[in-house]
Amino acid sequence: MIFPFFRRRAPPQLLHLLLRPHPLSTAANPPPIRITQTDAAGRGVFASRPIAAGERIHSATPVVSHPSLSLLHQVCYGCLRRKNENNGADSDSDKDYFCSDECREKSKAFCEVEKKADWSSFNEYCRINGLKYPLMVKRLACMVISKSLSSDCLDILQPAFLHQNILQKMKDEFDLLKQTFKKAKFADEQMTFLSKEWYVNMLARIRINAFRIELIGGSYEDIYTLIGDDVAVGNAVYLVPSFYNHDCDPNTHIVWIDNSDAKLKALRDIEEGEELRICYIDASMEKEARQKILLEGFGFQCNCSRCLSGE
């Protein structure tokens, strides 16, 4: 997602991470994409070969994710998979639910950090104020402390423009976050990265690059029967999917089947060299509504062919 405001230079190691093959890919069968500069929208994702309609282009696992507070004990604390009511594991509502031993093990490091602190005040603050992204920064901080991630892991992503009133609210959020870690008696050397500047920089990137995770269930075909249902289970930030630019008539769609692993699927035949674009918003809205949301929420005026035609 491209936003025309302050951009920090990406560390070389992050560029290497972004461009390396997907874990599910092989040297003989890499994802059919390349990331390069566009003419007017910063970096974008392009087809490196013809892609057929309906083809799964690639998958992506989140850098950081967090379940919705309202579903905190109803979805997996790791992958956001909905809880199987027939599964009695972790039935205690006061415990974090994990769908499998694999998810529990993957989350073990940052969960051990989280459990050392009392997050009730921080979570309640987010709940009362309808905040979701500070929860992701909290988890990110725990991942950094546990050495699961580096503190600059999101620097490669485009940040949002932040108004002064938002910055003041961020200061209050940061103070509460820092106090929670201090009350848990974390050593100062473990929190050297945890400054107000770091918090603002991470939140600015999460605000504009986070995806709302809506699980569609058993298959791609289910997406058409679940439109309008309350299927959101949380939010997540990815690397490669964040470089997909917007179009109100996209050729690519991002879907989540049963957990936070994203699947990018071609909506129509795509030619080699064509830019792959997704729709950031509800494409069924009228032009004026789309333009307003994109300008206020993402900071750009859409000039896609659909908008230019007045549709």
C-alpha atoms as a PDB file:
ATOM      1  CA  MET A   1       0.000   0.000   0.000  1.00  0.00           C
ATOM      2  CA  ILE A   2       1.625   3.232  -1.117  1.00  0.00           C
ATOM      3  CA  PHE A   3       1.315   6.518   0.760  1.00  0.00           C
ATOM      4  CA  PRO A   4       3.081   9.706  -0.359  1.00  0.00           C
ATOM      5  CA  PHE A   5       4.419  10.888   2.984  1.00  0.00           C
ATOM      6  CA  PHE A   6       7.605  10.420   4.985  1.00  0.00           C
ATOM      7  CA  ARG A   7       9.431   7.215   4.048  1.00  0.00           C
ATOM      8  CA  ARG A   8      12.380   5.851   5.959  1.00  0.00           C
ATOM      9  CA  ARG A   9      15.177   4.138   4.084  1.00  0.00           C
ATOM     10  CA  ALA A  10      14.759   0.371   4.313  1.00  0.00           C
ATOM     11  CA  PRO A  11      17.684  -1.560   5.823  1.00  0.00           C
ATOM     12  CA  PRO A  12      19.448  -3.744   3.189  1.00  0.00           C
ATOM     13  CA  GLN A  13      18.699  -6.911   5.160  1.00  0.00           C
ATOM     14  CA  LEU A  14      14.968  -6.193   4.937  1.00  0.00           C
ATOM     15  CA  LEU A  15      15.150  -5.698   1.185  1.00  0.00           C
ATOM     16  CA  HIS A  16      16.880  -9.071   0.966  1.00  0.00           C
ATOM     17  CA  LEU A  17      14.134 -10.624   3.098  1.00  0.00           C
ATOM     18  CA  LEU A  18      11.403  -9.133   0.920  1.00  0.00           C
ATOM     19  CA  LEU A  19      12.879 -10.368  -2.341  1.00  0.00           C
ATOM     20  CA  ARG A  20      13.839 -13.875  -1.301  1.00  0.00           C
ATOM     21  CA  PRO A  21      11.621 -16.773  -2.490  1.00  0.00           C
ATOM     22  CA  HIS A  22       8.486 -17.600  -0.539  1.00  0.00           C
ATOM     23  CA  PRO A  23       9.024 -20.551   1.872  1.00  0.00           C
ATOM     24  CA  LEU A  24       6.571 -22.665  -0.131  1.00  0.00           C
ATOM     25  CA  SER A  25       8.357 -21.922  -3.390  1.00  0.00           C
ATOM     26  CA  THR A  26      11.182 -23.844  -4.993  1.00  0.00           C
ATOM     27  CA  ALA A  27      13.948 -22.666  -7.275  1.00  0.00           C
ATOM     28  CA  ALA A  28      12.078 -24.369 -10.135  1.00  0.00           C
ATOM     29  CA  ASN A  29       8.701 -22.856  -9.231  1.00  0.00           C
ATOM     30  CA  PRO A  30       9.010 -19.402  -7.598  1.00  0.00           C
ATOM     31  CA  PRO A  31       6.011 -17.075  -7.171  1.00  0.00           C
ATOM     32  CA  PRO A  32       5.264 -15.409 -10.549  1.00  0.00           C
ATOM     33  CA  ILE A  33       5.878 -11.894  -9.245  1.00  0.00           C
ATOM     34  CA  ARG A  34       8.527  -9.202  -9.050  1.00  0.00           C
ATOM     35  CA  ILE A  35       8.571  -6.006  -6.991  1.00  0.00           C
ATOM     36  CA  THR A  36       9.739  -2.843  -8.689  1.00  0.00           C
ATOM     37  CA  GLN A  37       9.019   0.873  -9.015  1.00  0.00           C
ATOM     38  CA  THR A  38       5.819   1.980 -10.735  1.00  0.00           C
ATOM     39  CA  ASP A  39       5.468   5.152 -12.792  1.00  0.00           C
ATOM     40  CA  ALA A  40       3.350   6.998 -10.229  1.00  0.00           C
ATOM     41  CA  ALA A  41       2.602   4.891  -7.151  1.00  0.00           C
ATOM     42  CA  GLY A  42       5.968   3.986  -5.674  1.00  0.00           C
ATOM     43  CA  ARG A  43       6.762   0.298  -5.489  1.00  0.00           C
ATOM     44  CA  GLY A  44       4.366  -2.269  -6.889  1.00  0.00           C
ATOM     45  CA  VAL A  45       4.000  -5.972  -7.638  1.00  0.00           C
ATOM     46  CA  PHE A  46       4.155  -7.164 -11.257  1.00  0.00           C
ATOM     47  CA  ALA A  47       3.536 -10.488 -12.990  1.00  0.00           C
ATOM     48  CA  SER A  48       6.771 -12.175 -14.072  1.00  0.00           C
ATOM     49  CA  ARG A  49       4.855 -14.531 -16.362  1.00  0.00           C
ATOM     50  CA  PRO A  50       1.255 -14.909 -17.614  1.00  0.00           C
ATOM     51  CA  ILE A  51      -1.123 -15.777 -14.759  1.00  0.00           C
ATOM     52  CA  ALA A  52      -4.422 -17.519 -15.402  1.00  0.00           C
ATOM     53  CA  ALA A  53      -7.719 -16.428 -13.870  1.00  0.00           C
ATOM     54  CA  GLY A  54      -8.293 -18.294 -10.622  1.00  0.00           C
ATOM     55  CA  GLU A  55      -4.607 -19.132 -10.127  1.00  0.00           C
ATOM     56  CA  ARG A  56      -3.198 -18.754  -6.646  1.00  0.00           C
ATOM     57  CA  ILE A  57      -0.308 -16.359  -7.137  1.00  0.00           C
ATOM     58  CA  HIS A  58       1.378 -16.799  -3.776  1.00  0.00           C
ATOM     59  CA  SER A  59       0.766 -17.051  -0.043  1.00  0.00           C
ATOM     60  CA  ALA A  60       2.040 -14.890   2.796  1.00  0.00           C
ATOM     61  CA  THR A  61       2.388 -15.322   6.543  1.00  0.00           C
ATOM     62  CA  PRO A  62       2.035 -12.246   8.757  1.00  0.00           C
ATOM     63  CA  VAL A  63       4.959 -10.449  10.324  1.00  0.00           C
ATOM     64  CA  VAL A  64       2.683  -9.582  13.226  1.00  0.00           C
ATOM     65  CA  SER A  65      -0.990 -10.177  13.937  1.00  0.00           C
ATOM     66  CA  HIS A  66      -3.452  -9.857  16.799  1.00  0.00           C
ATOM     67  CA  PRO A  67      -6.962 -11.188  17.367  1.00  0.00           C
ATOM     68  CA  SER A  68      -9.903  -8.838  17.867  1.00  0.00           C
ATOM     69  CA  LEU A  69     -10.430  -8.148  21.570  1.00  0.00           C
ATOM     70  CA  SER A  70     -14.041  -9.305  21.294  1.00  0.00           C
ATOM     71  CA  LEU A  71     -12.799 -12.701  20.054  1.00  0.00           C
ATOM     72  CA  LEU A  72      -9.706 -12.950  22.222  1.00  0.00           C
ATOM     73  CA  HIS A  73     -10.545 -16.426  23.529  1.00  0.00           C
ATOM     74  CA  GLN A  74     -12.544 -17.599  20.511  1.00  0.00           C
ATOM     75  CA  VAL A  75      -9.761 -17.610  17.906  1.00  0.00           C
ATOM     76  CA  CYS A  76      -6.231 -18.971  17.984  1.00  0.00           C
ATOM     77  CA  TYR A  77      -3.902 -16.494  19.670  1.00  0.00           C
ATOM     78  CA  GLY A  78      -1.290 -17.383  17.072  1.00  0.00           C
ATOM     79  CA  CYS A  79      -2.855 -17.918  13.625  1.00  0.00           C
ATOM     80  CA  LEU A  80      -6.367 -16.460  14.286  1.00  0.00           C
ATOM     81  CA  ARG A  81      -8.112 -19.708  13.310  1.00  0.00           C
ATOM     82  CA  ARG A  82     -11.600 -19.855  14.778  1.00  0.00           C
ATOM     83  CA  LYS A  83     -11.980 -22.107  17.795  1.00  0.00           C
ATOM     84  CA  ASN A  84     -13.509 -25.504  17.172  1.00  0.00           C
ATOM     85  CA  GLU A  85     -16.282 -25.770  19.727  1.00  0.00           C
ATOM     86  CA  ASN A  86     -15.820 -29.534  19.794  1.00  0.00           C
ATOM     87  CA  ASN A  87     -12.229 -29.095  20.906  1.00  0.00           C
ATOM     88  CA  GLY A  88     -11.997 -28.978  24.670  1.00  0.00           C
ATOM     89  CA  ALA A  89      -8.359 -27.839  24.684  1.00  0.00           C
ATOM     90  CA  ASP A  90      -7.719 -24.520  26.431  1.00  0.00           C
ATOM     91  CA  SER A  91     -11.380 -24.351  27.439  1.00  0.00           C
ATOM     92  CA  ASP A  92     -10.568 -21.986  30.314  1.00  0.00           C
ATOM     93  CA  SER A  93     -11.800 -18.580  29.086  1.00  0.00           C
ATOM     94  CA  ASP A  94      -9.008 -16.865  31.006  1.00  0.00           C
ATOM     95  CA  LYS A  95      -6.336 -18.631  28.962  1.00  0.00           C
ATOM     96  CA  ASP A  96      -5.123 -17.869  25.449  1.00  0.00           C
ATOM     97  CA  TYR A  97      -6.463 -20.420  23.007  1.00  0.00           C
ATOM     98  CA  PHE A  98      -4.177 -22.159  20.514  1.00  0.00           C
ATOM     99  CA  CYS A  99      -5.523 -24.336  17.727  1.00  0.00           C
ATOM    100  CA  SER A 100      -2.523 -26.661  17.722  1.00  0.00           C
ATOM    101  CA  ASP A 101       0.737 -27.484  19.438  1.00  0.00           C
ATOM    102  CA  GLU A 102       2.495 -26.015  16.386  1.00  0.00           C
ATOM    103  CA  CYS A 103       0.847 -22.619  16.887  1.00  0.00           C
ATOM    104  CA  ARG A 104       1.559 -22.737  20.600  1.00  0.00           C
ATOM    105  CA  GLU A 105       5.239 -23.452  19.928  1.00  0.00           C
ATOM    106  CA  LYS A 106       5.539 -20.697  17.293  1.00  0.00           C
ATOM    107  CA  SER A 107       4.018 -18.208  19.752  1.00  0.00           C
ATOM    108  CA  LYS A 108       5.909 -19.439  22.793  1.00  0.00           C
ATOM    109  CA  ALA A 109       8.662 -16.816  22.823  1.00  0.00           C
ATOM    110  CA  PHE A 110       6.518 -13.677  22.654  1.00  0.00           C
ATOM    111  CA  CYS A 111       3.801 -15.230  24.847  1.00  0.00           C
ATOM    112  CA  GLU A 112       6.313 -15.817  27.619  1.00  0.00           C
ATOM    113  CA  VAL A 113       7.147 -12.101  27.488  1.00  0.00           C
ATOM    114  CA  GLU A 114       3.473 -11.104  27.457  1.00  0.00           C
ATOM    115  CA  LYS A 115       2.658 -13.280  30.450  1.00  0.00           C
ATOM    116  CA  LYS A 116       5.180 -11.453  32.620  1.00  0.00           C
ATOM    117  CA  ALA A 117       3.071  -8.270  32.471  1.00  0.00           C
ATOM    118  CA  ASP A 118      -0.501  -7.378  33.416  1.00  0.00           C
ATOM    119  CA  TRP A 119      -2.134  -6.144  30.211  1.00  0.00           C
ATOM    120  CA  SER A 120      -5.622  -5.638  31.640  1.00  0.00           C
ATOM    121  CA  SER A 121      -5.351  -1.818  31.751  1.00  0.00           C
ATOM    122  CA  PHE A 122      -3.801  -1.590  28.295  1.00  0.00           C
ATOM    123  CA  ASN A 123      -6.395  -3.923  26.768  1.00  0.00           C
ATOM    124  CA  GLU A 124      -9.228  -2.070  28.477  1.00  0.00           C
ATOM    125  CA  TYR A 125      -7.912   1.256  27.207  1.00  0.00           C
ATOM    126  CA  CYS A 126      -7.892  -0.145  23.676  1.00  0.00           C
ATOM    127  CA  ARG A 127     -11.348  -1.635  24.127  1.00  0.00           C
ATOM    128  CA  ILE A 128     -12.912   1.596  25.430  1.00  0.00           C
ATOM    129  CA  ASN A 129     -11.331   3.687  22.683  1.00  0.00           C
ATOM    130  CA  GLY A 130     -11.987   1.182  19.901  1.00  0.00           C
ATOM    131  CA  LEU A 131      -8.266   0.740  19.186  1.00  0.00           C
ATOM    132  CA  LYS A 132      -6.814  -2.300  17.449  1.00  0.00           C
ATOM    133  CA  TYR A 133      -3.409  -1.269  16.102  1.00  0.00           C
ATOM    134  CA  PRO A 134      -1.794  -0.513  19.507  1.00  0.00           C
ATOM    135  CA  LEU A 135      -2.441  -4.173  20.342  1.00  0.00           C
ATOM    136  CA  MET A 136      -0.310  -5.128  17.359  1.00  0.00           C
ATOM    137  CA  VAL A 137       2.486  -2.799  18.501  1.00  0.00           C
ATOM    138  CA  LYS A 138       2.282  -4.382  21.950  1.00  0.00           C
ATOM    139  CA  ARG A 139       2.730  -7.820  20.423  1.00  0.00           C
ATOM    140  CA  LEU A 140       5.510  -6.531  18.191  1.00  0.00           C
ATOM    141  CA  ALA A 141       7.328  -5.145  21.244  1.00  0.00           C
ATOM    142  CA  CYS A 142       7.016  -8.527  22.969  1.00  0.00           C
ATOM    143  CA  MET A 143       8.405 -10.219  19.865  1.00  0.00           C
ATOM    144  CA  VAL A 144      11.370  -7.828  19.824  1.00  0.00           C
ATOM    145  CA  ILE A 145      12.062  -8.395  23.528  1.00  0.00           C
ATOM    146  CA  SER A 146      11.881 -12.154  22.983  1.00  0.00           C
ATOM    147  CA  LYS A 147      14.279 -11.762  20.021  1.00  0.00           C
ATOM    148  CA  SER A 148      11.693 -13.246  17.647  1.00  0.00           C
ATOM    149  CA  LEU A 149      11.924 -10.109  15.476  1.00  0.00           C
ATOM    150  CA  SER A 150      14.228  -7.137  15.074  1.00  0.00           C
ATOM    151  CA  SER A 151      12.968  -3.707  16.125  1.00  0.00           C
ATOM    152  CA  ASP A 152      13.245  -2.438  12.514  1.00  0.00           C
ATOM    153  CA  CYS A 153      11.270  -5.323  10.985  1.00  0.00           C
ATOM    154  CA  LEU A 154       8.578  -3.020   9.531  1.00  0.00           C
ATOM    155  CA  ASP A 155      10.831  -0.176   8.413  1.00  0.00           C
ATOM    156  CA  ILE A 156      10.596  -1.290   4.787  1.00  0.00           C
ATOM    157  CA  LEU A 157       6.856  -0.524   4.756  1.00  0.00           C
ATOM    158  CA  GLN A 158       5.295   2.818   3.886  1.00  0.00           C
ATOM    159  CA  PRO A 159       4.102   4.839   6.927  1.00  0.00           C
ATOM    160  CA  ALA A 160       0.861   6.780   7.160  1.00  0.00           C
ATOM    161  CA  PHE A 161       0.710  10.528   7.565  1.00  0.00           C
ATOM    162  CA  LEU A 162      -0.146  11.340  11.180  1.00  0.00           C
ATOM    163  CA  HIS A 163      -2.020  14.469  12.237  1.00  0.00           C
ATOM    164  CA  GLN A 164      -1.024  16.270  15.428  1.00  0.00           C
ATOM    165  CA  ASN A 165      -4.123  15.146  17.359  1.00  0.00           C
ATOM    166  CA  ILE A 166      -3.321  11.522  16.516  1.00  0.00           C
ATOM    167  CA  LEU A 167       0.254  11.968  17.707  1.00  0.00           C
ATOM    168  CA  GLN A 168      -0.987  13.160  21.098  1.00  0.00           C
ATOM    169  CA  LYS A 169      -3.188  10.098  21.455  1.00  0.00           C
ATOM    170  CA  MET A 170      -0.215   7.944  20.489  1.00  0.00           C
ATOM    171  CA  LYS A 171       1.789   9.511  23.301  1.00  0.00           C
ATOM    172  CA  ASP A 172      -0.866   8.414  25.801  1.00  0.00           C
ATOM    173  CA  GLU A 173      -0.876   4.902  24.329  1.00  0.00           C
ATOM    174  CA  PHE A 174       2.917   4.719  24.422  1.00  0.00           C
ATOM    175  CA  ASP A 175       3.064   5.879  28.042  1.00  0.00           C
ATOM    176  CA  LEU A 176       0.627   3.146  29.055  1.00  0.00           C
ATOM    177  CA  LEU A 177       2.584   0.529  27.093  1.00  0.00           C
ATOM    178  CA  LYS A 178       5.910   1.570  28.605  1.00  0.00           C
ATOM    179  CA  GLN A 179       4.461   1.687  32.124  1.00  0.00           C
ATOM    180  CA  THR A 180       3.106  -1.837  31.736  1.00  0.00           C
ATOM    181  CA  PHE A 181       6.543  -3.168  30.804  1.00  0.00           C
ATOM    182  CA  LYS A 182       8.174  -1.217  33.649  1.00  0.00           C
ATOM    183  CA  LYS A 183       5.705  -2.546  36.212  1.00  0.00           C
ATOM    184  CA  ALA A 184       6.636  -6.037  35.059  1.00  0.00           C
ATOM    185  CA  LYS A 185      10.268  -5.149  35.893  1.00  0.00           C
ATOM    186  CA  PHE A 186      11.757  -5.767  32.472  1.00  0.00           C
ATOM    187  CA  ALA A 187      15.419  -4.765  32.400  1.00  0.00           C
ATOM    188  CA  ASP A 188      16.261  -1.437  30.743  1.00  0.00           C
ATOM    189  CA  GLU A 189      18.611  -3.154  28.300  1.00  0.00           C
ATOM    190  CA  GLN A 190      15.673  -5.249  27.049  1.00  0.00           C
ATOM    191  CA  MET A 191      13.720  -2.099  26.238  1.00  0.00           C
ATOM    192  CA  THR A 192      16.330   0.163  24.650  1.00  0.00           C
ATOM    193  CA  PHE A 193      14.329   0.135  21.407  1.00  0.00           C
ATOM    194  CA  LEU A 194      11.060   1.067  23.127  1.00  0.00           C
ATOM    195  CA  SER A 195      10.989   4.825  22.616  1.00  0.00           C
ATOM    196  CA  LYS A 196       8.113   7.091  21.661  1.00  0.00           C
ATOM    197  CA  GLU A 197       9.716   7.499  18.223  1.00  0.00           C
ATOM    198  CA  TRP A 198       9.795   3.716  17.720  1.00  0.00           C
ATOM    199  CA  TYR A 199       6.177   3.388  18.827  1.00  0.00           C
ATOM    200  CA  VAL A 200       5.005   6.137  16.455  1.00  0.00           C
ATOM    201  CA  ASN A 201       7.036   4.740  13.546  1.00  0.00           C
ATOM    202  CA  MET A 202       5.642   1.228  14.029  1.00  0.00           C
ATOM    203  CA  LEU A 203       2.068   2.413  14.493  1.00  0.00           C
ATOM    204  CA  ALA A 204       2.320   4.667  11.427  1.00  0.00           C
ATOM    205  CA  ARG A 205       3.265   1.633   9.347  1.00  0.00           C
ATOM    206  CA  ILE A 206       0.708  -0.690  10.887  1.00  0.00           C
ATOM    207  CA  ARG A 207      -2.130   1.822  10.450  1.00  0.00           C
ATOM    208  CA  ILE A 208      -1.772   1.890   6.663  1.00  0.00           C
ATOM    209  CA  ASN A 209      -0.495  -1.624   5.986  1.00  0.00           C
ATOM    210  CA  ALA A 210      -2.647  -3.763   8.304  1.00  0.00           C
ATOM    211  CA  PHE A 211      -5.227  -6.057   6.763  1.00  0.00           C
ATOM    212  CA  ARG A 212      -8.541  -6.846   8.441  1.00  0.00           C
ATOM    213  CA  ILE A 213      -8.617 -10.650   8.529  1.00  0.00           C
ATOM    214  CA  GLU A 214     -11.927 -12.069   7.387  1.00  0.00           C
ATOM    215  CA  LEU A 215     -11.980 -15.853   7.242  1.00  0.00           C
ATOM    216  CA  ILE A 216     -14.141 -17.173   4.435  1.00  0.00           C
ATOM    217  CA  GLY A 217     -14.095 -20.832   5.437  1.00  0.00           C
ATOM    218  CA  GLY A 218     -13.608 -23.993   3.483  1.00  0.00           C
ATOM    219  CA  SER A 219     -12.819 -22.816  -0.066  1.00  0.00           C
ATOM    220  CA  TYR A 220     -12.341 -19.843  -2.353  1.00  0.00           C
ATOM    221  CA  GLU A 221     -15.919 -20.294  -3.602  1.00  0.00           C
ATOM    222  CA  ASP A 222     -17.264 -19.567  -0.099  1.00  0.00           C
ATOM    223  CA  ILE A 223     -16.275 -15.912  -0.404  1.00  0.00           C
ATOM    224  CA  TYR A 224     -19.451 -15.133  -2.353  1.00  0.00           C
ATOM    225  CA  THR A 225     -21.746 -16.682   0.239  1.00  0.00           C
ATOM    226  CA  LEU A 226     -20.097 -14.981   3.208  1.00  0.00           C
ATOM    227  CA  ILE A 227     -20.086 -11.377   2.003  1.00  0.00           C
ATOM    228  CA  GLY A 228     -21.770  -9.279   4.660  1.00  0.00           C
ATOM    229  CA  ASP A 229     -21.268 -11.785   7.474  1.00  0.00           C
ATOM    230  CA  ASP A 230     -19.247 -10.829  10.541  1.00  0.00           C
ATOM    231  CA  VAL A 231     -16.158 -12.846   9.704  1.00  0.00           C
ATOM    232  CA  ALA A 232     -13.384 -10.531  10.934  1.00  0.00           C
ATOM    233  CA  VAL A 233     -11.162 -12.237  13.505  1.00  0.00           C
ATOM    234  CA  GLY A 234      -8.298  -9.763  13.839  1.00  0.00           C
ATOM    235  CA  ASN A 235      -5.652  -7.792  11.973  1.00  0.00           C
ATOM    236  CA  ALA A 236      -2.264  -8.610  10.464  1.00  0.00           C
ATOM    237  CA  VAL A 237       0.660  -6.974   8.657  1.00  0.00           C
ATOM    238  CA  TYR A 238       2.527  -8.700   5.826  1.00  0.00           C
ATOM    239  CA  LEU A 239       5.564  -7.765   3.759  1.00  0.00           C
ATOM    240  CA  VAL A 240       4.852  -8.619   0.104  1.00  0.00           C
ATOM    241  CA  PRO A 241       1.051  -8.032   0.200  1.00  0.00           C
ATOM    242  CA  SER A 242       1.730  -4.518   1.513  1.00  0.00           C
ATOM    243  CA  PHE A 243       3.374  -3.666  -1.821  1.00  0.00           C
ATOM    244  CA  TYR A 244       0.228  -4.344  -3.812  1.00  0.00           C
ATOM    245  CA  ASN A 245      -1.223  -1.034  -5.021  1.00  0.00           C
ATOM    246  CA  HIS A 246      -4.923  -0.240  -5.190  1.00  0.00           C
ATOM    247  CA  ASP A 247      -7.405  -0.408  -8.048  1.00  0.00           C
ATOM    248  CA  CYS A 248     -11.191  -0.096  -7.852  1.00  0.00           C
ATOM    249  CA  ASP A 249     -11.346  -2.797 -10.561  1.00  0.00           C
ATOM    250  CA  PRO A 250      -8.583  -5.109  -9.310  1.00  0.00           C
ATOM    251  CA  ASN A 251      -7.067  -8.065 -11.115  1.00  0.00           C
ATOM    252  CA  THR A 252      -6.023  -9.752  -7.864  1.00  0.00           C
ATOM    253  CA  HIS A 253      -7.796 -10.553  -4.616  1.00  0.00           C
ATOM    254  CA  ILE A 254      -6.444 -11.378  -1.172  1.00  0.00           C
ATOM    255  CA  VAL A 255      -8.322 -13.981   0.838  1.00  0.00           C
ATOM    256  CA  TRP A 256      -7.999 -15.833   4.114  1.00  0.00           C
ATOM    257  CA  ILE A 257      -9.406 -19.340   4.221  1.00  0.00           C
ATOM    258  CA  ASP A 258      -9.186 -20.527   7.827  1.00  0.00           C
ATOM    259  CA  ASN A 259      -6.273 -18.652   9.427  1.00  0.00           C
ATOM    260  CA  SER A 260      -4.107 -15.545   9.014  1.00  0.00           C
ATOM    261  CA  ASP A 261      -2.072 -16.976   6.121  1.00  0.00           C
ATOM    262  CA  ALA A 262      -3.017 -14.784   3.150  1.00  0.00           C
ATOM    263  CA  LYS A 263      -3.672 -16.164  -0.315  1.00  0.00           C
ATOM    264  CA  LEU A 264      -3.359 -13.921  -3.369  1.00  0.00           C
ATOM    265  CA  LYS A 265      -5.571 -15.077  -6.236  1.00  0.00           C
ATOM    266  CA  ALA A 266      -5.897 -13.820  -9.827  1.00  0.00           C
ATOM    267  CA  LEU A 267      -9.405 -12.553 -10.620  1.00  0.00           C
ATOM    268  CA  ARG A 268      -8.810 -12.657 -14.376  1.00  0.00           C
ATOM    269  CA  ASP A 269      -6.099 -13.551 -16.861  1.00  0.00           C
ATOM    270  CA  ILE A 270      -3.022 -11.388 -16.244  1.00  0.00           C
ATOM    271  CA  GLU A 271      -0.317 -10.732 -18.795  1.00  0.00           C
ATOM    272  CA  GLU A 272       3.415 -10.881 -18.105  1.00  0.00           C
ATOM    273  CA  GLY A 273       4.624  -7.447 -16.956  1.00  0.00           C
ATOM    274  CA  GLU A 274       1.147  -6.309 -15.854  1.00  0.00           C
ATOM    275  CA  GLU A 275       0.896  -4.770 -12.395  1.00  0.00           C
ATOM    276  CA  LEU A 276      -1.022  -6.825  -9.846  1.00  0.00           C
ATOM    277  CA  ARG A 277      -3.494  -4.699  -7.902  1.00  0.00           C
ATOM    278  CA  ILE A 278      -5.955  -5.359  -5.113  1.00  0.00           C
ATOM    279  CA  CYS A 279      -8.865  -3.242  -3.878  1.00  0.00           C
ATOM    280  CA  TYR A 280      -8.286  -1.690  -0.451  1.00  0.00           C
ATOM    281  CA  ILE A 281     -11.979  -0.967   0.139  1.00  0.00           C
ATOM    282  CA  ASP A 282     -15.471  -2.176  -0.756  1.00  0.00           C
ATOM    283  CA  ALA A 283     -15.434  -2.034  -4.547  1.00  0.00           C
ATOM    284  CA  SER A 284     -19.234  -2.001  -4.730  1.00  0.00           C
ATOM    285  CA  MET A 285     -19.436   1.579  -3.426  1.00  0.00           C
ATOM    286  CA  GLU A 286     -20.157   4.560  -5.673  1.00  0.00           C
ATOM    287  CA  LYS A 287     -17.206   6.568  -7.010  1.00  0.00           C
ATOM    288  CA  GLU A 288     -17.652   9.513  -4.607  1.00  0.00           C
ATOM    289  CA  ALA A 289     -17.675   7.219  -1.567  1.00  0.00           C
ATOM    290  CA  ARG A 290     -14.624   5.309  -2.791  1.00  0.00           C
ATOM    291  CA  GLN A 291     -12.694   8.510  -3.486  1.00  0.00           C
ATOM    292  CA  LYS A 292     -13.528   9.928  -0.047  1.00  0.00           C
ATOM    293  CA  ILE A 293     -12.426   6.818   1.856  1.00  0.00           C
ATOM    294  CA  LEU A 294      -9.225   6.417  -0.151  1.00  0.00           C
ATOM    295  CA  LEU A 295      -8.274  10.071   0.281  1.00  0.00           C
ATOM    296  CA  GLU A 296      -9.059  10.255   3.998  1.00  0.00           C
ATOM    297  CA  GLY A 297      -7.917   6.757   4.935  1.00  0.00           C
ATOM    298  CA  PHE A 298      -4.998   6.141   2.580  1.00  0.00           C
ATOM    299  CA  GLY A 299      -3.935   9.626   1.495  1.00  0.00           C
ATOM    300  CA  PHE A 300      -4.319   9.415  -2.275  1.00  0.00           C
ATOM    301  CA  GLN A 301      -6.838  10.239  -4.970  1.00  0.00           C
ATOM    302  CA  CYS A 302      -7.564   7.168  -7.034  1.00  0.00           C
ATOM    303  CA  ASN A 303      -7.008   7.591 -10.775  1.00  0.00           C
ATOM    304  CA  CYS A 304      -7.752   4.039 -11.828  1.00  0.00           C
ATOM    305  CA  SER A 305      -9.596   3.501 -15.115  1.00  0.00           C
ATOM    306  CA  ARG A 306     -12.874   2.863 -13.293  1.00  0.00           C
ATOM    307  CA  CYS A 307     -12.699   6.157 -11.382  1.00  0.00           C
ATOM    308  CA  LEU A 308     -11.586   8.126 -14.455  1.00  0.00           C
ATOM    309  CA  SER A 309     -14.563   6.754 -16.382  1.00  0.00           C
ATOM    310  CA  GLY A 310     -16.883   8.008 -13.643  1.00  0.00           C
ATOM    311  CA  GLU A 311     -18.175   4.545 -12.805  1.00  0.00           C
END
